[in-house]
Protein backbone atom coordinates (compact mmCIF):
# COMPACT_ATOMS: atom_id res chain seq x y z
CA MET A 1 135.29 143.73 139.34
CA PHE A 2 132.52 141.66 140.94
CA ARG A 3 129.64 140.92 138.59
CA LEU A 4 126.34 139.40 139.65
CA VAL A 5 125.30 136.24 137.85
CA LEU A 6 122.02 136.12 135.95
CA ARG A 7 120.15 133.07 137.35
CA ILE A 8 117.16 131.31 135.85
CA VAL A 9 115.64 127.95 136.85
CA ALA A 10 113.98 126.10 133.93
CA ASP A 11 111.71 123.11 134.09
CA ALA A 12 113.51 120.09 132.66
CA ARG A 13 110.63 119.59 130.20
CA GLU A 14 111.49 122.93 128.56
CA THR A 15 114.69 121.54 127.06
CA PRO A 16 113.17 120.47 123.73
CA SER A 17 111.94 124.07 123.15
CA GLY A 18 115.54 125.24 122.72
CA ILE A 19 114.94 128.18 125.02
CA PRO A 20 117.23 126.97 127.78
CA GLU A 21 120.08 126.63 125.26
CA LEU A 22 119.41 130.14 123.95
CA LEU A 23 119.54 131.52 127.56
CA ALA A 24 122.82 129.75 128.24
CA GLY A 25 124.22 131.34 125.07
CA LYS A 26 123.33 134.72 126.50
CA GLY A 27 125.46 133.99 129.61
CA VAL A 28 122.63 133.03 131.91
CA TYR A 29 123.43 130.61 134.76
CA LEU A 30 120.75 128.06 134.05
CA GLN A 31 119.51 125.39 136.46
CA LYS A 32 117.32 122.63 135.10
CA LYS A 33 114.90 121.10 137.62
CA SER A 34 111.64 119.32 137.73
CA LEU A 35 109.23 122.10 138.66
CA ASP A 36 105.85 121.38 140.24
CA VAL A 37 104.41 124.60 138.80
CA ALA A 38 105.66 127.06 136.16
CA ASP A 39 108.21 126.61 133.35
CA TYR A 40 110.76 129.13 134.60
CA VAL A 41 111.51 130.82 137.88
CA ILE A 42 113.41 134.09 138.16
CA GLY A 43 113.80 135.37 141.70
CA GLU A 44 110.29 135.48 143.14
CA ILE A 45 108.61 135.40 139.71
CA ALA A 46 107.12 132.23 138.15
CA ILE A 47 106.80 132.25 134.40
CA GLU A 48 104.41 130.04 132.48
CA ARG A 49 105.24 129.64 128.75
CA LYS A 50 102.71 128.37 126.24
CA THR A 51 102.70 128.27 122.51
CA VAL A 52 99.52 129.68 121.00
CA ASN A 53 98.41 126.16 120.13
CA ASP A 54 99.15 124.83 123.62
CA PHE A 55 97.23 127.80 125.09
CA ILE A 56 94.14 127.08 122.96
CA SER A 57 94.38 123.28 123.62
CA SER A 58 94.59 123.85 127.43
CA LEU A 59 91.67 126.26 127.20
CA TYR A 60 89.34 123.76 125.50
CA ARG A 61 90.46 120.89 127.68
CA GLY A 62 89.55 122.84 130.80
CA ARG A 63 93.02 122.82 132.38
CA LEU A 64 94.06 126.41 131.88
CA PHE A 65 92.36 127.96 134.91
CA GLU A 66 93.36 124.98 137.08
CA GLN A 67 97.01 125.67 136.17
CA ALA A 68 96.53 129.40 136.83
CA GLU A 69 95.12 128.68 140.27
CA ARG A 70 98.03 126.46 141.20
CA ILE A 71 100.63 129.04 140.11
CA SER A 72 98.87 131.96 141.81
CA SER A 73 98.57 129.86 145.01
CA ALA A 74 102.28 129.00 145.00
CA TYR A 75 103.89 132.31 143.91
CA SER A 76 103.12 135.99 144.63
CA LYS A 77 104.36 137.12 141.22
CA TYR A 78 103.76 135.29 137.93
CA LEU A 79 103.78 135.94 134.17
CA LEU A 80 102.30 134.20 131.19
CA ILE A 81 104.16 134.19 127.89
CA VAL A 82 102.04 133.21 124.86
CA GLU A 83 104.47 132.31 122.04
CA GLY A 84 103.65 132.17 118.38
CA ASP A 85 101.54 133.82 115.70
CA ALA A 86 98.25 134.58 117.48
CA GLN A 87 96.57 135.97 114.38
CA GLU A 88 97.19 132.77 112.47
CA ALA A 89 95.83 130.63 115.31
CA LEU A 90 92.74 132.90 115.69
CA ALA A 91 91.90 132.50 112.04
CA ASP A 92 91.24 128.80 112.69
CA LEU A 93 88.93 129.39 115.65
CA LYS A 94 85.21 129.44 115.19
CA ASN A 95 84.88 131.90 118.02
CA PRO A 96 87.99 134.03 118.58
CA ASN A 97 86.29 135.87 121.43
CA VAL A 98 86.90 132.74 123.55
CA TYR A 99 90.64 133.31 123.21
CA TRP A 100 90.48 136.96 124.17
CA GLY A 101 87.95 136.33 126.92
CA THR A 102 90.32 133.78 128.47
CA LEU A 103 93.21 136.24 128.43
CA LEU A 104 91.00 138.82 130.10
CA ALA A 105 89.95 136.34 132.79
CA LEU A 106 93.56 135.40 133.48
CA ALA A 107 94.48 139.06 133.78
CA LEU A 108 91.49 140.11 135.89
CA LYS A 109 90.81 137.08 138.04
CA PHE A 110 94.35 135.79 138.55
CA ASP A 111 96.22 139.03 138.03
CA PHE A 112 98.47 137.43 135.37
CA ARG A 113 100.86 139.66 133.47
CA ILE A 114 100.57 138.44 129.85
CA PHE A 115 103.29 138.86 127.18
CA PHE A 116 103.22 137.86 123.54
CA THR A 117 106.27 136.66 121.63
CA MET A 118 106.60 135.45 118.09
CA ASP A 119 109.11 132.65 118.64
CA GLN A 120 111.65 131.02 121.00
CA ASP A 121 114.26 133.75 120.31
CA GLU A 122 111.92 136.46 121.49
CA THR A 123 110.90 134.44 124.53
CA ALA A 124 114.56 133.88 125.50
CA SER A 125 115.24 137.65 125.05
CA LEU A 126 112.28 138.46 127.31
CA LEU A 127 113.44 136.06 130.01
CA TYR A 128 116.97 137.38 129.76
CA LEU A 129 115.81 140.98 130.24
CA LEU A 130 113.64 139.93 133.20
CA ALA A 131 116.68 138.23 134.76
CA LYS A 132 118.73 141.43 134.25
CA GLN A 133 116.11 143.55 135.97
CA ALA A 134 115.89 141.01 138.80
CA GLN A 135 119.64 141.24 139.21
CA SER A 136 119.33 144.68 140.71
CA ASP A 137 116.99 143.42 143.45
CA TYR A 138 118.90 141.47 146.11
CA ARG A 139 115.84 139.40 146.99
CA MET A 140 115.53 138.21 143.49
CA GLN A 141 119.16 137.35 142.71
CA ARG A 142 118.51 133.69 143.57
CA PRO A 143 115.36 131.97 142.28
CA MET A 144 112.86 131.17 144.99
CA LEU A 145 111.55 127.65 144.41
CA VAL A 146 108.38 126.60 146.05
CA LYS A 147 108.89 123.78 148.54
CA LYS A 148 106.50 121.66 150.52
CA PRO A 149 105.01 123.90 153.21
CA ARG A 150 105.69 123.38 156.86
CA MET A 151 102.52 122.03 158.51
CA GLU A 152 102.04 123.06 162.14
CA THR A 153 98.28 122.65 162.81
CA THR A 154 95.50 120.21 162.03
CA LYS A 155 93.87 122.92 159.92
CA ASP A 156 97.07 123.29 157.87
CA TRP A 157 97.06 119.57 157.05
CA GLN A 158 93.29 119.58 156.27
CA ILE A 159 93.66 122.42 153.78
CA LEU A 160 96.76 120.82 152.25
CA ILE A 161 94.97 117.50 151.72
CA LEU A 162 91.83 119.04 150.13
CA GLY A 163 93.81 121.74 148.30
CA SER A 164 95.56 119.02 146.34
CA LEU A 165 92.34 117.85 144.70
CA PRO A 166 91.70 118.91 141.11
CA SER A 167 90.78 122.62 140.75
CA ILE A 168 90.71 123.06 144.52
CA GLY A 169 93.05 125.63 146.05
CA PRO A 170 93.40 126.73 149.70
CA LYS A 171 90.32 129.02 149.62
CA LEU A 172 87.98 126.36 148.22
CA ALA A 173 89.50 123.73 150.55
CA GLU A 174 88.55 125.90 153.53
CA LYS A 175 85.08 126.48 152.09
CA LEU A 176 84.55 122.69 151.78
CA LEU A 177 85.72 122.14 155.35
CA GLN A 178 83.29 124.82 156.57
CA SER A 179 80.47 123.12 154.65
CA PHE A 180 81.17 119.46 155.56
CA GLY A 181 83.05 119.73 158.86
CA SER A 182 85.94 117.33 158.14
CA VAL A 183 88.18 115.93 155.39
CA ARG A 184 86.54 112.54 155.67
CA ASN A 185 83.05 114.05 155.14
CA VAL A 186 84.22 115.88 152.01
CA LEU A 187 85.71 112.69 150.56
CA LYS A 188 82.59 110.71 151.31
CA ALA A 189 80.27 113.30 149.71
CA SER A 190 78.59 112.61 146.43
CA SER A 191 79.25 114.67 143.33
CA LYS A 192 75.93 116.45 143.72
CA GLU A 193 76.61 117.23 147.41
CA LEU A 194 80.03 118.68 146.52
CA ALA A 195 78.54 120.81 143.76
CA VAL A 196 75.55 122.14 145.68
CA ARG A 197 76.36 122.02 149.39
CA GLY A 198 80.07 122.55 148.85
CA GLY A 199 79.41 125.33 146.35
CA ILE A 200 82.19 124.32 144.00
CA GLY A 201 80.10 123.67 140.90
CA GLU A 202 79.43 120.56 138.87
CA ALA A 203 82.61 120.60 136.82
CA ARG A 204 84.96 120.65 139.80
CA ALA A 205 82.81 118.13 141.69
CA ARG A 206 82.91 115.75 138.70
CA LYS A 207 86.74 116.01 138.47
CA ILE A 208 87.08 115.22 142.15
CA GLN A 209 84.79 112.13 141.95
CA GLN A 210 86.61 110.86 138.84
CA LEU A 211 89.93 111.11 140.68
CA LEU A 212 88.65 109.42 143.86
CA ASP A 213 87.05 106.61 141.85
CA ALA A 214 89.93 106.09 139.42
CA GLU A 215 91.69 102.72 139.54
CA TYR A 216 95.36 102.88 140.51
CA ARG A 217 97.60 101.76 137.67
CA PRO A 218 101.24 101.18 138.53
CA GLY A 219 103.72 102.30 135.92
CA GLN A 220 101.19 104.60 134.22
CA ALA A 221 102.96 107.13 131.96
CA LYS A 222 103.53 110.46 133.67
CA GLN A 223 101.51 113.24 132.15
CA SER A 224 102.82 116.69 131.54
CA LYS A 225 101.78 119.28 134.09
CA LEU A 226 100.71 121.58 131.20
CA ALA A 227 98.78 119.15 129.10
């Protein structure tokens, strides 16, 4: 009797977590790849996994919403798994409302479905069940990995170039082009001009200027996409 195979793609950096090994033990056909966004891909769904401590660290370092924007721009469906004892982590926070406020923002602004698991075993079980449900949908039997988009027009290239800047997705890229008229004008603009005239705020403008002015250092250690 023909049996469909449960397929999950896992980012290679997830190996130390032990979850890929747990999934393989459940009979999942696991592919390890270097993913640009997300930690796991099941059919059309991108899954981001964070331990509670990683989640809080990313929040305070200002990278969480940048990551959420990248995933929501790349995939139409996405989940966030927060793994660990949230109550224990919240006890160490001076203002726990920041934690809950961030979860609400992810759910309301980016439409993230958020799940809580206590450990790697529960996370693996959740991913396994998701793969089983995806099995019944023909479109989701094979993971859909995001590839470099096909560029056909000048506008496509302009949005791609500016959309690759820190915290700038396709929508903000188009907004900047409308404000400044060209990619070159955007890149020549000062931090204040980007913030005010470009309407992207001081934090985003500062990140862009820091990147554009940063000295290139060959051989610099690669940073994790979810730092």
